[in-house]
Amino acid sequence: MNVKRWCALILLGTTFIFLWEVQQMLQAQETEVPDQAIRLQVVAHSDGINEQQLKAEMRDQINVHVRQEVGELNTKQEAREAITSELEELQEIAERTLATYGREGENVSVELEEEVSFPSRLYGSMLFPAGLYEALVVTIGDGDGENWWCVLFPPLCFVELREGETVEEEETTEVKAAAETESGDNVDYRFFIVDKWNEWFGSE
């Protein structure tokens, strides 16, 4: 067997081992993430450009406020109580956001629901399998447009924000550090999320 074939086999074997280790890490995280999560779903009125822009703005405003309330909490029950106590304020935030788009008086609802269907989603190294999750659901108008989702607790929404879509309000030091790492070393960024999860809920 020539040198090229040996090199190809070594590369193939190394790649297989790497992918297997990643899969094992994701499976380990999958077993403990869903039970403690509260998610966010923002549903646009339609798929029009303006409606999607409004959805993004609504997402940012809701996320900023909720993160301030749950960022230092340690349990899902605490987060649920905090979000429930803020539902009236969140409704007002949603209505003010509509007003900034010249749409004052249009329908928008903000509700904390026990069972909301979500597809599979990967946040850093945390895999959230498809299923029913407790979620804060924001529905704009008829709610016929594409929706956007993330994890409010633990606060992982920033993972979903693409470059240039960061929330404009002041962020916590930890979130800023994570955002900076995202543009550089993806491995460090993933381990930041795992470390935060273990800090809140412990590791087995």
Protein backbone atom coordinates (compact mmCIF):
# COMPACT_ATOMS: atom_id res chain seq x y z
CA MET A 1 0.00 0.00 0.00
CA ASN A 2 1.47 3.36 -1.03
CA VAL A 3 1.96 6.44 1.17
CA LYS A 4 -1.09 8.25 -0.24
CA ARG A 5 -3.40 5.40 0.69
CA TRP A 6 -1.94 5.20 4.20
CA CYS A 7 -2.47 8.95 4.65
CA ALA A 8 -6.05 8.67 3.40
CA LEU A 9 -6.80 5.82 5.83
CA ILE A 10 -5.29 7.74 8.75
CA LEU A 11 -7.31 10.85 7.86
CA LEU A 12 -10.50 8.81 7.52
CA GLY A 13 -9.92 7.11 10.86
CA THR A 14 -9.19 10.39 12.64
CA THR A 15 -12.32 11.96 11.20
CA PHE A 16 -14.45 8.99 12.29
CA ILE A 17 -13.10 9.15 15.85
CA PHE A 18 -13.74 12.91 16.04
CA LEU A 19 -17.32 12.57 14.80
CA TRP A 20 -17.98 9.71 17.20
CA GLU A 21 -16.73 11.75 20.17
CA VAL A 22 -18.91 14.70 19.13
CA GLN A 23 -21.93 12.41 18.86
CA GLN A 24 -21.28 10.98 22.33
CA MET A 25 -21.01 14.47 23.81
CA LEU A 26 -24.29 15.53 22.21
CA GLN A 27 -26.06 12.41 23.41
CA ALA A 28 -24.81 13.01 26.95
CA GLN A 29 -26.20 16.55 26.91
CA GLU A 30 -29.49 15.49 25.33
CA THR A 31 -30.54 13.44 28.33
CA GLU A 32 -30.64 16.40 30.76
CA VAL A 33 -31.42 19.55 28.77
CA PRO A 34 -35.16 19.33 27.94
CA ASP A 35 -36.54 18.96 31.49
CA GLN A 36 -35.09 22.27 32.65
CA ALA A 37 -35.73 24.43 29.60
CA ILE A 38 -38.22 27.21 28.94
CA ARG A 39 -38.19 28.27 25.31
CA LEU A 40 -39.26 31.29 23.29
CA GLN A 41 -41.31 31.22 20.10
CA VAL A 42 -42.10 34.37 18.12
CA VAL A 43 -44.58 33.90 15.27
CA ALA A 44 -44.79 36.55 12.55
CA HIS A 45 -48.05 37.81 11.04
CA SER A 46 -46.87 36.71 7.58
CA ASP A 47 -43.71 35.99 5.61
CA GLY A 48 -43.45 39.51 4.16
CA ILE A 49 -40.12 41.32 4.60
CA ASN A 50 -41.57 43.94 6.93
CA GLU A 51 -43.31 41.29 9.00
CA GLN A 52 -40.09 39.34 9.42
CA GLN A 53 -38.25 42.50 10.45
CA LEU A 54 -40.94 43.18 13.02
CA LYS A 55 -40.62 39.61 14.28
CA ALA A 56 -36.87 40.08 14.76
CA GLU A 57 -37.39 43.32 16.67
CA MET A 58 -40.07 41.70 18.82
CA ARG A 59 -37.71 38.82 19.55
CA ASP A 60 -34.94 41.17 20.66
CA GLN A 61 -37.13 43.26 22.94
CA ILE A 62 -38.75 40.26 24.62
CA ASN A 63 -35.43 38.44 24.99
CA VAL A 64 -33.69 41.42 26.60
CA HIS A 65 -36.38 41.85 29.23
CA VAL A 66 -36.70 38.16 30.08
CA ARG A 67 -32.94 37.67 30.28
CA GLN A 68 -32.75 40.43 32.87
CA GLU A 69 -35.30 38.55 34.95
CA VAL A 70 -33.98 34.98 34.68
CA GLY A 71 -30.25 35.44 34.10
CA GLU A 72 -29.31 34.89 37.75
CA LEU A 73 -31.90 32.22 38.54
CA ASN A 74 -30.99 28.59 39.16
CA THR A 75 -34.13 26.52 38.61
CA LYS A 76 -36.88 26.19 36.05
CA GLN A 77 -39.52 26.84 38.70
CA GLU A 78 -37.90 30.14 39.60
CA ALA A 79 -37.70 31.08 35.93
CA ARG A 80 -41.35 30.11 35.37
CA GLU A 81 -42.49 32.26 38.29
CA ALA A 82 -40.38 35.20 37.12
CA ILE A 83 -41.71 35.02 33.56
CA THR A 84 -45.29 34.61 34.75
CA SER A 85 -44.99 37.69 36.94
CA GLU A 86 -43.73 39.67 33.93
CA LEU A 87 -46.40 38.63 31.42
CA GLU A 88 -48.25 41.93 31.70
CA GLU A 89 -45.04 43.90 31.18
CA LEU A 90 -44.07 41.65 28.26
CA GLN A 91 -47.47 42.29 26.66
CA GLU A 92 -46.84 46.02 26.95
CA ILE A 93 -43.39 45.62 25.42
CA ALA A 94 -44.90 43.73 22.49
CA GLU A 95 -47.53 46.42 21.97
CA ARG A 96 -44.93 49.20 22.15
CA THR A 97 -42.82 47.37 19.58
CA LEU A 98 -45.83 47.24 17.25
CA ALA A 99 -46.37 50.95 17.78
CA THR A 100 -42.79 51.75 16.73
CA TYR A 101 -43.66 50.18 13.38
CA GLY A 102 -46.73 52.39 13.07
CA ARG A 103 -49.08 49.52 13.88
CA GLU A 104 -50.50 50.56 17.20
CA GLY A 105 -53.66 48.69 18.09
CA GLU A 106 -52.93 45.57 16.05
CA ASN A 107 -53.23 42.19 17.74
CA VAL A 108 -50.26 40.63 19.53
CA SER A 109 -50.39 38.02 22.28
CA VAL A 110 -47.80 36.93 24.83
CA GLU A 111 -48.53 33.68 26.66
CA LEU A 112 -46.59 31.12 28.67
CA GLU A 113 -47.75 27.72 27.40
CA GLU A 114 -47.00 24.31 28.91
CA GLU A 115 -46.71 22.27 25.71
CA VAL A 116 -45.43 23.81 22.47
CA SER A 117 -44.10 21.71 19.60
CA PHE A 118 -40.49 22.38 18.55
CA PRO A 119 -38.24 20.71 15.96
CA SER A 120 -34.78 19.41 16.82
CA ARG A 121 -32.32 22.20 17.46
CA LEU A 122 -28.62 22.40 18.34
CA TYR A 123 -27.38 25.23 20.59
CA GLY A 124 -23.60 25.07 20.74
CA SER A 125 -23.09 21.52 22.03
CA MET A 126 -26.60 21.15 23.47
CA LEU A 127 -29.05 19.15 21.43
CA PHE A 128 -32.75 19.81 22.04
CA PRO A 129 -34.64 16.94 20.37
CA ALA A 130 -37.97 17.54 18.70
CA GLY A 131 -40.88 17.47 21.10
CA LEU A 132 -43.13 19.47 23.41
CA TYR A 133 -41.59 22.18 25.57
CA GLU A 134 -42.83 24.83 27.94
CA ALA A 135 -42.48 28.10 26.07
CA LEU A 136 -43.23 31.80 26.01
CA VAL A 137 -45.18 32.24 22.78
CA VAL A 138 -45.47 35.64 21.11
CA THR A 139 -47.95 35.70 18.23
CA ILE A 140 -48.15 38.76 15.98
CA GLY A 141 -51.40 39.39 14.12
CA ASP A 142 -52.71 36.25 12.43
CA GLY A 143 -49.55 34.27 13.21
CA ASP A 144 -49.33 32.89 9.67
CA GLY A 145 -45.66 33.66 9.09
CA GLU A 146 -42.45 31.82 9.86
CA ASN A 147 -41.61 31.55 13.53
CA TRP A 148 -38.35 31.98 15.39
CA TRP A 149 -37.35 30.13 18.53
CA CYS A 150 -34.61 29.93 21.13
CA VAL A 151 -34.10 28.97 24.80
CA LEU A 152 -35.02 31.60 27.39
CA PHE A 153 -33.95 29.50 30.36
CA PRO A 154 -31.15 28.79 30.59
CA PRO A 155 -30.58 31.95 28.51
CA LEU A 156 -29.22 30.62 25.20
CA CYS A 157 -31.03 32.90 22.75
CA PHE A 158 -27.82 34.68 21.83
CA VAL A 159 -26.57 31.45 20.25
CA GLU A 160 -29.26 31.80 17.59
CA LEU A 161 -28.50 35.40 16.67
CA ARG A 162 -26.51 35.58 13.45
CA GLU A 163 -23.70 38.09 13.08
CA GLY A 164 -25.22 41.56 12.79
CA GLU A 165 -28.40 40.58 14.66
CA THR A 166 -27.19 41.07 18.21
CA VAL A 167 -29.59 42.53 20.73
CA GLU A 168 -29.06 46.27 21.02
CA GLU A 169 -29.68 46.59 24.75
CA GLU A 170 -26.83 46.21 27.25
CA GLU A 171 -25.78 42.59 27.53
CA THR A 172 -24.27 40.77 30.48
CA THR A 173 -20.51 40.30 30.60
CA GLU A 174 -20.90 36.55 30.09
CA VAL A 175 -22.99 36.97 26.95
CA LYS A 176 -20.54 39.49 25.48
CA ALA A 177 -17.66 37.14 26.14
CA ALA A 178 -19.53 34.30 24.47
CA ALA A 179 -20.35 36.44 21.43
CA GLU A 180 -16.70 37.41 21.04
CA THR A 181 -15.65 33.77 21.25
CA GLU A 182 -18.21 32.84 18.59
CA SER A 183 -16.38 34.93 16.01
CA GLY A 184 -13.12 33.21 16.88
CA ASP A 185 -12.84 29.73 18.38
CA ASN A 186 -16.05 27.72 18.04
CA VAL A 187 -14.80 24.99 20.36
CA ASP A 188 -14.31 27.43 23.25
CA TYR A 189 -17.75 28.85 22.56
CA ARG A 190 -19.42 25.46 22.84
CA PHE A 191 -17.64 24.69 26.08
CA PHE A 192 -18.80 28.04 27.50
CA ILE A 193 -22.40 26.87 27.11
CA VAL A 194 -21.67 23.50 28.68
CA ASP A 195 -19.89 25.18 31.60
CA LYS A 196 -22.85 27.48 32.23
CA TRP A 197 -25.29 24.55 32.13
CA ASN A 198 -23.18 22.61 34.63
CA GLU A 199 -22.91 25.69 36.84
CA TRP A 200 -26.72 26.01 37.00
CA PHE A 201 -27.79 22.39 37.16
CA GLY A 202 -24.64 20.42 37.89
CA SER A 203 -23.15 17.59 35.89
CA GLU A 204 -23.40 13.87 36.33
